[in-house]
């Protein structure tokens, strides 16, 4: 596995544990603290319209857990990662009790689908769901372990798809 190169010091932990990525299309930089699990971008400026719009779509926990970096004037939030087969998100009843959870997204088939109706759409049902019953939970400062678990799920899915593809050739 490739060694991670940290680019900056985290305003949250005070350690050099932030990875910075630049979006070549719009020249916006994203920041992810691999110790705390908080992230931000150059656009997440304190008291900006973007923050107001962003927070309108957040859970109370994510909004309450934000960190304002006064030095850079940026707002950091707990990371949320969602792909076709897994999700990494925060849980808890307060910012002090925040934990990380990683869950697979599983298919829902047959009559089981009847348990998962699409809100506002009669006779439509979800075909997948978040498997929270088997989710793995990590303490607040174990984000890197949660992220490793998230990437392991992605790798397993990728390996399974390649195996199926190679067997059908």
C-alpha atoms as a PDB file:
ATOM      1  CA  UNK A   1       0.000   0.000   0.000  1.00  0.00           C
ATOM      2  CA  UNK A   2       1.245   3.468  -0.904  1.00  0.00           C
ATOM      3  CA  UNK A   3       2.485   5.681   1.946  1.00  0.00           C
ATOM      4  CA  UNK A   4       0.354   8.792   2.489  1.00  0.00           C
ATOM      5  CA  UNK A   5       2.103  12.128   2.180  1.00  0.00           C
ATOM      6  CA  UNK A   6       0.561  14.742   4.448  1.00  0.00           C
ATOM      7  CA  UNK A   7       0.480  18.268   3.081  1.00  0.00           C
ATOM      8  CA  UNK A   8      -0.532  20.495   5.990  1.00  0.00           C
ATOM      9  CA  UNK A   9      -1.074  20.854   9.716  1.00  0.00           C
ATOM     10  CA  UNK A  10      -4.638  20.292  10.887  1.00  0.00           C
ATOM     11  CA  UNK A  11      -6.257  23.232  12.687  1.00  0.00           C
ATOM     12  CA  UNK A  12      -8.283  20.633  14.577  1.00  0.00           C
ATOM     13  CA  UNK A  13      -5.544  18.327  15.903  1.00  0.00           C
ATOM     14  CA  UNK A  14      -2.437  20.508  15.503  1.00  0.00           C
ATOM     15  CA  UNK A  15      -0.662  17.625  13.743  1.00  0.00           C
ATOM     16  CA  UNK A  16       0.585  17.316  10.174  1.00  0.00           C
ATOM     17  CA  UNK A  17      -2.173  14.974   9.002  1.00  0.00           C
ATOM     18  CA  UNK A  18      -4.058  16.885   6.283  1.00  0.00           C
ATOM     19  CA  UNK A  19      -4.189  15.710   2.687  1.00  0.00           C
ATOM     20  CA  UNK A  20      -4.837  18.432   0.104  1.00  0.00           C
ATOM     21  CA  UNK A  21      -6.254  17.764  -3.354  1.00  0.00           C
ATOM     22  CA  UNK A  22      -6.771  20.325  -6.086  1.00  0.00           C
ATOM     23  CA  UNK A  23      -9.647  20.104  -8.533  1.00  0.00           C
ATOM     24  CA  UNK A  24      -8.032  20.882 -11.890  1.00  0.00           C
ATOM     25  CA  UNK A  25     -11.345  21.945 -13.444  1.00  0.00           C
ATOM     26  CA  UNK A  26     -12.226  24.723 -11.001  1.00  0.00           C
ATOM     27  CA  UNK A  27      -8.921  25.179  -9.123  1.00  0.00           C
ATOM     28  CA  UNK A  28     -10.621  24.572  -5.741  1.00  0.00           C
ATOM     29  CA  UNK A  29      -8.586  22.786  -3.095  1.00  0.00           C
ATOM     30  CA  UNK A  30     -10.110  20.202  -0.765  1.00  0.00           C
ATOM     31  CA  UNK A  31      -8.660  19.366   2.639  1.00  0.00           C
ATOM     32  CA  UNK A  32      -9.119  16.170   4.659  1.00  0.00           C
ATOM     33  CA  UNK A  33      -7.724  15.714   8.157  1.00  0.00           C
ATOM     34  CA  UNK A  34      -6.999  11.998   8.440  1.00  0.00           C
ATOM     35  CA  UNK A  35      -6.861  12.129  12.245  1.00  0.00           C
ATOM     36  CA  UNK A  36     -10.127  13.934  12.977  1.00  0.00           C
ATOM     37  CA  UNK A  37     -12.054  13.054   9.816  1.00  0.00           C
ATOM     38  CA  UNK A  38     -12.966  16.674   9.164  1.00  0.00           C
ATOM     39  CA  UNK A  39     -12.893  18.178   5.686  1.00  0.00           C
ATOM     40  CA  UNK A  40     -13.312  21.505   3.953  1.00  0.00           C
ATOM     41  CA  UNK A  41     -12.624  23.312   0.682  1.00  0.00           C
ATOM     42  CA  UNK A  42     -11.426  26.775  -0.278  1.00  0.00           C
ATOM     43  CA  UNK A  43     -15.106  27.680  -0.811  1.00  0.00           C
ATOM     44  CA  UNK A  44     -16.252  26.892   2.748  1.00  0.00           C
ATOM     45  CA  UNK A  45     -15.656  30.417   4.054  1.00  0.00           C
ATOM     46  CA  UNK A  46     -17.044  31.348   7.475  1.00  0.00           C
ATOM     47  CA  UNK A  47     -20.426  33.166   7.229  1.00  0.00           C
ATOM     48  CA  UNK A  48     -20.633  32.720   3.445  1.00  0.00           C
ATOM     49  CA  UNK A  49     -23.750  31.913   1.443  1.00  0.00           C
ATOM     50  CA  UNK A  50     -22.156  28.585   0.526  1.00  0.00           C
ATOM     51  CA  UNK A  51     -22.010  27.613   4.227  1.00  0.00           C
ATOM     52  CA  UNK A  52     -25.657  28.551   4.697  1.00  0.00           C
ATOM     53  CA  UNK A  53     -26.693  26.418   1.718  1.00  0.00           C
ATOM     54  CA  UNK A  54     -24.405  23.544   2.711  1.00  0.00           C
ATOM     55  CA  UNK A  55     -25.712  23.407   6.271  1.00  0.00           C
ATOM     56  CA  UNK A  56     -29.317  23.291   5.059  1.00  0.00           C
ATOM     57  CA  UNK A  57     -28.589  19.748   3.826  1.00  0.00           C
ATOM     58  CA  UNK A  58     -26.683  18.480   6.874  1.00  0.00           C
ATOM     59  CA  UNK A  59     -27.752  16.455   9.860  1.00  0.00           C
ATOM     60  CA  UNK A  60     -27.872  18.339  13.162  1.00  0.00           C
ATOM     61  CA  UNK A  61     -24.845  16.363  14.335  1.00  0.00           C
ATOM     62  CA  UNK A  62     -22.753  17.395  11.339  1.00  0.00           C
ATOM     63  CA  UNK A  63     -23.802  21.027  11.626  1.00  0.00           C
ATOM     64  CA  UNK A  64     -23.250  21.114  15.403  1.00  0.00           C
ATOM     65  CA  UNK A  65     -19.844  19.448  14.994  1.00  0.00           C
ATOM     66  CA  UNK A  66     -18.403  22.000  12.575  1.00  0.00           C
ATOM     67  CA  UNK A  67     -15.049  23.564  13.350  1.00  0.00           C
ATOM     68  CA  UNK A  68     -14.340  27.171  12.405  1.00  0.00           C
ATOM     69  CA  UNK A  69     -10.715  27.715  11.433  1.00  0.00           C
ATOM     70  CA  UNK A  70     -10.352  31.426  12.281  1.00  0.00           C
ATOM     71  CA  UNK A  71      -6.826  31.617  10.847  1.00  0.00           C
ATOM     72  CA  UNK A  72      -7.909  30.561   7.335  1.00  0.00           C
ATOM     73  CA  UNK A  73     -11.543  31.610   7.767  1.00  0.00           C
ATOM     74  CA  UNK A  74     -12.724  28.158   6.668  1.00  0.00           C
ATOM     75  CA  UNK A  75     -15.360  25.883   8.158  1.00  0.00           C
ATOM     76  CA  UNK A  76     -14.524  22.183   8.592  1.00  0.00           C
ATOM     77  CA  UNK A  77     -17.205  19.484   8.869  1.00  0.00           C
ATOM     78  CA  UNK A  78     -17.149  15.765   9.634  1.00  0.00           C
ATOM     79  CA  UNK A  79     -16.507  13.915   6.395  1.00  0.00           C
ATOM     80  CA  UNK A  80     -19.277  11.999   4.641  1.00  0.00           C
ATOM     81  CA  UNK A  81     -18.378   9.523   1.906  1.00  0.00           C
ATOM     82  CA  UNK A  82     -20.884   7.639  -0.195  1.00  0.00           C
ATOM     83  CA  UNK A  83     -20.264   5.315  -3.125  1.00  0.00           C
ATOM     84  CA  UNK A  84     -22.364   2.646  -4.812  1.00  0.00           C
ATOM     85  CA  UNK A  85     -21.517  -0.084  -2.312  1.00  0.00           C
ATOM     86  CA  UNK A  86     -20.524   1.664   0.951  1.00  0.00           C
ATOM     87  CA  UNK A  87     -20.944   4.716   3.128  1.00  0.00           C
ATOM     88  CA  UNK A  88     -18.738   6.377   5.771  1.00  0.00           C
ATOM     89  CA  UNK A  89     -20.552   8.808   8.057  1.00  0.00           C
ATOM     90  CA  UNK A  90     -20.647  10.150  11.603  1.00  0.00           C
ATOM     91  CA  UNK A  91     -23.091   9.139  14.315  1.00  0.00           C
ATOM     92  CA  UNK A  92     -23.682  10.267  17.881  1.00  0.00           C
ATOM     93  CA  UNK A  93     -25.914  12.378  20.072  1.00  0.00           C
ATOM     94  CA  UNK A  94     -23.461  15.318  20.321  1.00  0.00           C
ATOM     95  CA  UNK A  95     -20.154  16.533  18.865  1.00  0.00           C
ATOM     96  CA  UNK A  96     -18.401  15.239  21.999  1.00  0.00           C
ATOM     97  CA  UNK A  97     -19.817  11.740  21.421  1.00  0.00           C
ATOM     98  CA  UNK A  98     -19.225  11.672  17.661  1.00  0.00           C
ATOM     99  CA  UNK A  99     -18.193   8.312  16.228  1.00  0.00           C
ATOM    100  CA  UNK A 100     -17.529   7.075  12.703  1.00  0.00           C
ATOM    101  CA  UNK A 101     -19.520   4.327  11.084  1.00  0.00           C
ATOM    102  CA  UNK A 102     -18.868   2.374   7.905  1.00  0.00           C
ATOM    103  CA  UNK A 103     -21.647   0.324   6.346  1.00  0.00           C
ATOM    104  CA  UNK A 104     -22.083  -1.608   3.135  1.00  0.00           C
ATOM    105  CA  UNK A 105     -24.938  -0.886   0.787  1.00  0.00           C
ATOM    106  CA  UNK A 106     -26.776  -4.131   0.097  1.00  0.00           C
ATOM    107  CA  UNK A 107     -29.324  -5.153  -2.511  1.00  0.00           C
ATOM    108  CA  UNK A 108     -32.961  -5.498  -1.500  1.00  0.00           C
ATOM    109  CA  UNK A 109     -34.804  -8.084  -3.575  1.00  0.00           C
ATOM    110  CA  UNK A 110     -38.188  -9.754  -3.809  1.00  0.00           C
ATOM    111  CA  UNK A 111     -40.788  -9.193  -1.108  1.00  0.00           C
ATOM    112  CA  UNK A 112     -38.163  -7.637   1.166  1.00  0.00           C
ATOM    113  CA  UNK A 113     -38.386  -4.529  -1.050  1.00  0.00           C
ATOM    114  CA  UNK A 114     -41.902  -3.933   0.303  1.00  0.00           C
ATOM    115  CA  UNK A 115     -40.264  -2.899   3.595  1.00  0.00           C
ATOM    116  CA  UNK A 116     -38.499   0.006   1.839  1.00  0.00           C
ATOM    117  CA  UNK A 117     -41.028   2.180  -0.042  1.00  0.00           C
ATOM    118  CA  UNK A 118     -39.821   5.275  -1.887  1.00  0.00           C
ATOM    119  CA  UNK A 119     -41.391   8.249  -0.038  1.00  0.00           C
ATOM    120  CA  UNK A 120     -44.050  10.014  -2.090  1.00  0.00           C
ATOM    121  CA  UNK A 121     -44.077   7.389  -4.855  1.00  0.00           C
ATOM    122  CA  UNK A 122     -46.840   4.828  -4.727  1.00  0.00           C
ATOM    123  CA  UNK A 123     -45.813   1.237  -5.566  1.00  0.00           C
ATOM    124  CA  UNK A 124     -42.118   2.151  -5.860  1.00  0.00           C
ATOM    125  CA  UNK A 125     -39.541   0.520  -3.621  1.00  0.00           C
ATOM    126  CA  UNK A 126     -35.846   0.903  -3.021  1.00  0.00           C
ATOM    127  CA  UNK A 127     -33.573  -1.743  -4.534  1.00  0.00           C
ATOM    128  CA  UNK A 128     -30.757  -1.210  -2.022  1.00  0.00           C
ATOM    129  CA  UNK A 129     -30.314  -0.133   1.584  1.00  0.00           C
ATOM    130  CA  UNK A 130     -27.620   0.763   4.065  1.00  0.00           C
ATOM    131  CA  UNK A 131     -26.716  -2.308   6.131  1.00  0.00           C
ATOM    132  CA  UNK A 132     -26.500  -0.519   9.491  1.00  0.00           C
ATOM    133  CA  UNK A 133     -27.079  -3.766  11.367  1.00  0.00           C
ATOM    134  CA  UNK A 134     -23.599  -4.914  10.316  1.00  0.00           C
ATOM    135  CA  UNK A 135     -21.891  -1.522  10.265  1.00  0.00           C
ATOM    136  CA  UNK A 136     -18.508  -1.090  11.918  1.00  0.00           C
ATOM    137  CA  UNK A 137     -18.151   1.740  14.414  1.00  0.00           C
ATOM    138  CA  UNK A 138     -14.980   3.680  15.279  1.00  0.00           C
ATOM    139  CA  UNK A 139     -14.221   6.232  17.977  1.00  0.00           C
ATOM    140  CA  UNK A 140     -13.990   9.932  17.144  1.00  0.00           C
ATOM    141  CA  UNK A 141     -10.211   9.968  16.657  1.00  0.00           C
ATOM    142  CA  UNK A 142     -10.122   6.669  14.709  1.00  0.00           C
ATOM    143  CA  UNK A 143     -11.168   8.187  11.400  1.00  0.00           C
ATOM    144  CA  UNK A 144      -8.165   6.718   9.580  1.00  0.00           C
ATOM    145  CA  UNK A 145      -9.267   3.205  10.647  1.00  0.00           C
ATOM    146  CA  UNK A 146     -12.820   3.932   9.442  1.00  0.00           C
ATOM    147  CA  UNK A 147     -11.434   5.217   6.138  1.00  0.00           C
ATOM    148  CA  UNK A 148      -9.313   2.063   5.770  1.00  0.00           C
ATOM    149  CA  UNK A 149     -12.466  -0.025   6.299  1.00  0.00           C
ATOM    150  CA  UNK A 150     -14.331   2.063   3.705  1.00  0.00           C
ATOM    151  CA  UNK A 151     -11.538   1.520   1.157  1.00  0.00           C
ATOM    152  CA  UNK A 152     -11.430  -2.212   1.974  1.00  0.00           C
ATOM    153  CA  UNK A 153     -15.111  -2.495   1.003  1.00  0.00           C
ATOM    154  CA  UNK A 154     -14.392  -0.647  -2.249  1.00  0.00           C
ATOM    155  CA  UNK A 155     -11.440  -2.952  -2.989  1.00  0.00           C
ATOM    156  CA  UNK A 156     -13.478  -6.097  -2.247  1.00  0.00           C
ATOM    157  CA  UNK A 157     -16.202  -4.967  -4.651  1.00  0.00           C
ATOM    158  CA  UNK A 158     -13.624  -4.117  -7.319  1.00  0.00           C
ATOM    159  CA  UNK A 159     -11.929  -7.516  -6.883  1.00  0.00           C
ATOM    160  CA  UNK A 160     -15.294  -9.328  -7.075  1.00  0.00           C
ATOM    161  CA  UNK A 161     -16.234  -7.473 -10.266  1.00  0.00           C
ATOM    162  CA  UNK A 162     -12.877  -8.349 -11.846  1.00  0.00           C
ATOM    163  CA  UNK A 163     -13.279 -11.997 -10.838  1.00  0.00           C
ATOM    164  CA  UNK A 164     -16.760 -12.119 -12.406  1.00  0.00           C
ATOM    165  CA  UNK A 165     -15.510 -10.371 -15.533  1.00  0.00           C
ATOM    166  CA  UNK A 166     -12.565 -12.781 -15.904  1.00  0.00           C
ATOM    167  CA  UNK A 167     -14.773 -15.850 -15.334  1.00  0.00           C
ATOM    168  CA  UNK A 168     -17.168 -14.770 -18.087  1.00  0.00           C
ATOM    169  CA  UNK A 169     -14.405 -14.425 -20.699  1.00  0.00           C
END
